[in-house]
């Protein structure tokens, strides 16, 4: 089931203070970017944040699941999505811990 674009817009609005936020539709679902880095996925109207060691202490106990078959487990953010400050800090910590994206090769 594809995610609702309005839900993706809501997620991006909730984390907007974390940095430059964007989303991109991919295979019927969405990648969420912060400052050019993929920090999360939205699949089946659920937010999946990439786990990082830097954010592990902050996030506490949280469910983990694969956003799609064959994917690595991500943190499933459901109950705290309405807590704008908390989810923004989680995304901020995640973005800082992720490496810069590799430059794209020109064809």
N, C-alpha and C. Protein backbone atom coordinates (compact mmCIF):
# COMPACT_ATOMS: atom_id res chain seq x y z
N UNK A 1 0.85 -1.18 0.00
CA UNK A 1 0.00 0.00 0.00
C UNK A 1 0.89 1.24 0.00
N UNK A 2 0.66 2.15 -0.89
CA UNK A 2 1.44 3.37 -0.98
C UNK A 2 1.05 4.35 0.13
N UNK A 3 2.02 5.12 0.57
CA UNK A 3 1.76 6.11 1.62
C UNK A 3 0.99 7.30 1.07
N UNK A 4 0.21 7.90 1.92
CA UNK A 4 -0.58 9.08 1.59
C UNK A 4 0.35 10.29 1.54
N UNK A 5 0.37 11.04 0.44
CA UNK A 5 1.22 12.22 0.35
C UNK A 5 0.96 13.23 1.47
N UNK A 6 -0.26 13.30 1.98
CA UNK A 6 -0.56 14.20 3.09
C UNK A 6 0.15 13.77 4.38
N UNK A 7 0.29 12.46 4.59
CA UNK A 7 1.02 11.97 5.75
C UNK A 7 2.50 12.33 5.62
N UNK A 8 3.04 12.19 4.43
CA UNK A 8 4.45 12.54 4.20
C UNK A 8 4.65 14.03 4.46
N UNK A 9 3.72 14.85 4.01
CA UNK A 9 3.80 16.29 4.25
C UNK A 9 3.76 16.58 5.76
N UNK A 10 2.90 15.88 6.49
CA UNK A 10 2.82 16.03 7.94
C UNK A 10 4.15 15.68 8.60
N UNK A 11 4.74 14.55 8.21
CA UNK A 11 6.03 14.15 8.76
C UNK A 11 7.08 15.22 8.50
N UNK A 12 7.16 15.69 7.28
CA UNK A 12 8.15 16.71 6.93
C UNK A 12 7.93 18.00 7.72
N UNK A 13 6.67 18.35 7.95
CA UNK A 13 6.36 19.53 8.74
C UNK A 13 6.80 19.33 10.19
N UNK A 14 6.58 18.14 10.73
CA UNK A 14 6.94 17.85 12.12
C UNK A 14 8.45 17.98 12.34
N UNK A 15 9.26 17.60 11.37
CA UNK A 15 10.72 17.60 11.54
C UNK A 15 11.39 18.78 10.86
N UNK A 16 10.62 19.74 10.42
CA UNK A 16 11.13 20.85 9.63
C UNK A 16 12.24 21.65 10.29
N UNK A 17 12.29 21.70 11.61
CA UNK A 17 13.33 22.47 12.30
C UNK A 17 14.66 21.73 12.39
N UNK A 18 14.72 20.49 11.93
CA UNK A 18 15.96 19.70 12.00
C UNK A 18 16.98 20.13 10.96
N UNK A 19 16.54 20.79 9.92
CA UNK A 19 17.43 21.19 8.83
C UNK A 19 16.62 21.35 7.56
N UNK A 20 17.30 21.24 6.43
CA UNK A 20 16.62 21.33 5.14
C UNK A 20 15.95 19.98 4.85
N UNK A 21 14.64 19.95 4.95
CA UNK A 21 13.87 18.71 4.82
C UNK A 21 13.25 18.61 3.43
N UNK A 22 13.34 17.42 2.86
CA UNK A 22 12.72 17.15 1.56
C UNK A 22 12.27 15.70 1.55
N UNK A 23 11.36 15.39 0.66
CA UNK A 23 10.95 14.00 0.48
C UNK A 23 10.95 13.70 -1.01
N UNK A 24 11.11 12.42 -1.30
CA UNK A 24 11.13 12.00 -2.70
C UNK A 24 10.41 10.68 -2.81
N UNK A 25 9.49 10.61 -3.75
CA UNK A 25 8.72 9.38 -3.97
C UNK A 25 9.62 8.35 -4.63
N UNK A 26 9.60 7.15 -4.05
CA UNK A 26 10.41 6.06 -4.60
C UNK A 26 9.61 4.77 -4.50
N UNK A 27 9.29 4.17 -5.63
CA UNK A 27 8.60 2.89 -5.67
C UNK A 27 7.28 2.91 -4.90
N UNK A 28 6.57 4.01 -4.95
CA UNK A 28 5.28 4.12 -4.28
C UNK A 28 5.37 4.56 -2.83
N UNK A 29 6.58 4.61 -2.29
CA UNK A 29 6.80 5.07 -0.92
C UNK A 29 7.71 6.30 -0.97
N UNK A 30 8.25 6.73 0.17
CA UNK A 30 9.00 7.99 0.20
C UNK A 30 10.28 7.87 1.01
N UNK A 31 11.32 8.54 0.52
CA UNK A 31 12.54 8.75 1.28
C UNK A 31 12.45 10.17 1.85
N UNK A 32 12.89 10.34 3.09
CA UNK A 32 12.89 11.65 3.73
C UNK A 32 14.34 12.06 3.93
N UNK A 33 14.66 13.26 3.46
CA UNK A 33 16.01 13.79 3.50
C UNK A 33 16.11 14.93 4.51
N UNK A 34 17.26 14.98 5.18
CA UNK A 34 17.60 16.13 6.02
C UNK A 34 18.99 16.56 5.60
N UNK A 35 19.11 17.79 5.13
CA UNK A 35 20.39 18.33 4.65
C UNK A 35 21.04 17.42 3.61
N UNK A 36 20.22 16.87 2.72
CA UNK A 36 20.72 16.05 1.62
C UNK A 36 20.98 14.60 1.95
N UNK A 37 20.76 14.19 3.20
CA UNK A 37 21.00 12.81 3.61
C UNK A 37 19.66 12.11 3.85
N UNK A 38 19.56 10.86 3.41
CA UNK A 38 18.34 10.09 3.68
C UNK A 38 18.38 9.68 5.15
N UNK A 39 17.44 10.21 5.93
CA UNK A 39 17.39 9.93 7.37
C UNK A 39 16.26 8.99 7.72
N UNK A 40 15.28 8.87 6.83
CA UNK A 40 14.10 8.07 7.15
C UNK A 40 13.38 7.67 5.88
N UNK A 41 12.48 6.72 6.05
CA UNK A 41 11.58 6.30 4.99
C UNK A 41 10.15 6.38 5.52
N UNK A 42 9.23 6.67 4.64
CA UNK A 42 7.81 6.59 4.98
C UNK A 42 7.24 5.48 4.11
N UNK A 43 6.80 4.42 4.78
CA UNK A 43 6.23 3.27 4.09
C UNK A 43 4.93 2.90 4.78
N UNK A 44 3.89 2.68 4.01
CA UNK A 44 2.57 2.33 4.56
C UNK A 44 2.14 3.30 5.65
N UNK A 45 2.36 4.59 5.41
CA UNK A 45 2.00 5.65 6.35
C UNK A 45 2.62 5.46 7.73
N UNK A 46 3.86 5.05 7.74
CA UNK A 46 4.60 4.87 8.99
C UNK A 46 6.00 5.43 8.78
N UNK A 47 6.53 6.10 9.80
CA UNK A 47 7.87 6.68 9.73
C UNK A 47 8.90 5.69 10.24
N UNK A 48 9.89 5.39 9.41
CA UNK A 48 11.00 4.50 9.75
C UNK A 48 12.29 5.33 9.71
N UNK A 49 12.91 5.53 10.87
CA UNK A 49 14.14 6.33 10.96
C UNK A 49 15.34 5.41 10.97
N UNK A 50 16.38 5.79 10.22
CA UNK A 50 17.61 5.00 10.20
C UNK A 50 18.22 4.98 11.59
N UNK A 51 18.57 3.82 12.10
CA UNK A 51 19.19 3.76 13.42
C UNK A 51 20.66 4.20 13.35
N UNK A 52 21.09 4.97 14.33
CA UNK A 52 22.49 5.37 14.45
C UNK A 52 22.90 5.24 15.91
N UNK A 53 24.17 5.00 16.13
CA UNK A 53 24.67 4.90 17.51
C UNK A 53 24.48 6.23 18.24
N UNK A 54 24.65 7.34 17.53
CA UNK A 54 24.54 8.65 18.15
C UNK A 54 23.15 8.92 18.69
N UNK A 55 22.12 8.39 18.04
CA UNK A 55 20.74 8.66 18.46
C UNK A 55 20.17 7.55 19.35
N UNK A 56 20.90 6.44 19.50
CA UNK A 56 20.37 5.30 20.25
C UNK A 56 20.02 5.66 21.69
N UNK A 57 20.89 6.38 22.38
CA UNK A 57 20.60 6.76 23.77
C UNK A 57 19.41 7.70 23.84
N UNK A 58 19.28 8.59 22.87
CA UNK A 58 18.18 9.55 22.85
C UNK A 58 16.84 8.85 22.62
N UNK A 59 16.80 7.92 21.68
CA UNK A 59 15.54 7.31 21.28
C UNK A 59 14.98 6.38 22.36
N UNK A 60 15.85 5.79 23.17
CA UNK A 60 15.37 4.88 24.21
C UNK A 60 14.83 3.59 23.61
N UNK A 61 13.81 3.06 24.23
CA UNK A 61 13.20 1.82 23.75
C UNK A 61 12.23 2.15 22.62
N UNK A 62 12.46 1.55 21.50
CA UNK A 62 11.61 1.81 20.33
C UNK A 62 11.55 0.54 19.49
N UNK A 63 10.43 0.35 18.84
CA UNK A 63 10.26 -0.83 17.98
C UNK A 63 11.15 -0.70 16.75
N UNK A 64 11.63 -1.83 16.28
CA UNK A 64 12.40 -1.88 15.05
C UNK A 64 11.71 -2.81 14.07
N UNK A 65 11.74 -2.43 12.81
CA UNK A 65 11.15 -3.26 11.76
C UNK A 65 11.75 -2.85 10.43
N UNK A 66 11.67 -3.74 9.48
CA UNK A 66 12.11 -3.43 8.12
C UNK A 66 10.99 -2.66 7.43
N UNK A 67 11.30 -1.54 6.81
CA UNK A 67 10.26 -0.75 6.13
C UNK A 67 9.69 -1.45 4.90
N UNK A 68 10.45 -2.37 4.33
CA UNK A 68 9.98 -3.15 3.19
C UNK A 68 10.78 -4.46 3.20
N UNK A 69 10.29 -5.49 2.54
CA UNK A 69 10.98 -6.78 2.56
C UNK A 69 12.43 -6.67 2.07
N UNK A 70 13.33 -7.22 2.85
CA UNK A 70 14.74 -7.20 2.48
C UNK A 70 15.52 -6.01 3.00
N UNK A 71 14.85 -5.04 3.58
CA UNK A 71 15.52 -3.84 4.11
C UNK A 71 16.10 -4.12 5.49
N UNK A 72 17.10 -3.34 5.86
CA UNK A 72 17.64 -3.40 7.22
C UNK A 72 16.61 -2.82 8.17
N UNK A 73 16.60 -3.28 9.42
CA UNK A 73 15.65 -2.72 10.39
C UNK A 73 15.87 -1.23 10.63
N UNK A 74 14.80 -0.52 10.77
CA UNK A 74 14.78 0.90 11.10
C UNK A 74 13.95 1.07 12.37
N UNK A 75 14.09 2.23 13.00
CA UNK A 75 13.25 2.53 14.16
C UNK A 75 11.87 2.96 13.68
N UNK A 76 10.85 2.35 14.23
CA UNK A 76 9.47 2.67 13.86
C UNK A 76 8.98 3.75 14.82
N UNK A 77 8.66 4.91 14.27
CA UNK A 77 8.23 6.04 15.09
C UNK A 77 6.73 6.23 14.88
N UNK A 78 5.97 5.86 15.89
CA UNK A 78 4.51 6.00 15.80
C UNK A 78 4.00 6.87 16.95
N UNK A 79 4.20 6.41 18.17
CA UNK A 79 3.63 7.08 19.34
C UNK A 79 4.20 8.47 19.58
N UNK A 80 5.43 8.73 19.15
CA UNK A 80 6.06 10.02 19.43
C UNK A 80 6.06 10.96 18.23
N UNK A 81 5.40 10.59 17.17
CA UNK A 81 5.39 11.43 15.97
C UNK A 81 4.71 12.77 16.21
N UNK A 82 3.77 12.82 17.12
CA UNK A 82 3.10 14.09 17.44
C UNK A 82 3.96 14.99 18.31
N UNK A 83 5.03 14.47 18.89
CA UNK A 83 5.95 15.25 19.73
C UNK A 83 7.00 15.88 18.82
N UNK A 84 6.69 17.05 18.32
CA UNK A 84 7.53 17.72 17.32
C UNK A 84 8.96 17.91 17.79
N UNK A 85 9.15 18.36 19.02
CA UNK A 85 10.51 18.59 19.53
C UNK A 85 11.31 17.29 19.58
N UNK A 86 10.68 16.22 20.05
CA UNK A 86 11.37 14.94 20.18
C UNK A 86 11.76 14.38 18.81
N UNK A 87 10.82 14.32 17.89
CA UNK A 87 11.11 13.74 16.58
C UNK A 87 12.09 14.61 15.79
N UNK A 88 12.05 15.91 16.00
CA UNK A 88 13.02 16.80 15.35
C UNK A 88 14.42 16.53 15.87
N UNK A 89 14.57 16.37 17.17
CA UNK A 89 15.89 16.08 17.73
C UNK A 89 16.38 14.72 17.26
N UNK A 90 15.50 13.74 17.17
CA UNK A 90 15.89 12.43 16.67
C UNK A 90 16.44 12.55 15.24
N UNK A 91 15.76 13.27 14.39
CA UNK A 91 16.20 13.44 13.00
C UNK A 91 17.50 14.24 12.96
N UNK A 92 17.63 15.25 13.78
CA UNK A 92 18.85 16.06 13.84
C UNK A 92 20.05 15.18 14.22
N UNK A 93 19.90 14.36 15.26
CA UNK A 93 20.98 13.47 15.70
C UNK A 93 21.32 12.44 14.62
N UNK A 94 20.29 11.92 13.98
CA UNK A 94 20.49 10.93 12.93
C UNK A 94 21.25 11.54 11.77
N UNK A 95 20.84 12.71 11.32
CA UNK A 95 21.50 13.38 10.19
C UNK A 95 22.97 13.64 10.48
N UNK A 96 23.26 14.11 11.67
CA UNK A 96 24.66 14.42 12.04
C UNK A 96 25.52 13.17 12.05
N UNK A 97 24.95 12.02 12.37
CA UNK A 97 25.71 10.77 12.47
C UNK A 97 25.93 10.08 11.13
N UNK A 98 25.14 10.43 10.14
CA UNK A 98 25.24 9.77 8.83
C UNK A 98 26.32 10.42 7.98
N UNK A 99 27.02 9.62 7.17
CA UNK A 99 28.03 10.20 6.29
C UNK A 99 27.39 11.02 5.17
N UNK A 100 28.17 11.91 4.62
CA UNK A 100 27.69 12.72 3.49
C UNK A 100 27.40 11.79 2.32
N UNK A 101 26.38 12.11 1.53
CA UNK A 101 26.08 11.26 0.37
C UNK A 101 27.23 11.30 -0.63
N UNK A 102 27.43 10.19 -1.31
CA UNK A 102 28.46 10.13 -2.34
C UNK A 102 28.05 10.98 -3.53
N UNK A 103 29.02 11.63 -4.15
CA UNK A 103 28.69 12.40 -5.36
C UNK A 103 28.17 11.47 -6.45
N UNK A 104 27.18 11.93 -7.17
CA UNK A 104 26.62 11.13 -8.26
C UNK A 104 27.56 11.16 -9.45
N UNK A 105 27.68 10.01 -10.10
CA UNK A 105 28.47 9.93 -11.31
C UNK A 105 27.70 10.51 -12.47
N UNK A 106 28.36 11.28 -13.26
CA UNK A 106 27.73 11.86 -14.45
C UNK A 106 27.83 10.85 -15.59
N UNK A 107 26.73 10.65 -16.26
CA UNK A 107 26.72 9.70 -17.39
C UNK A 107 27.01 10.41 -18.67
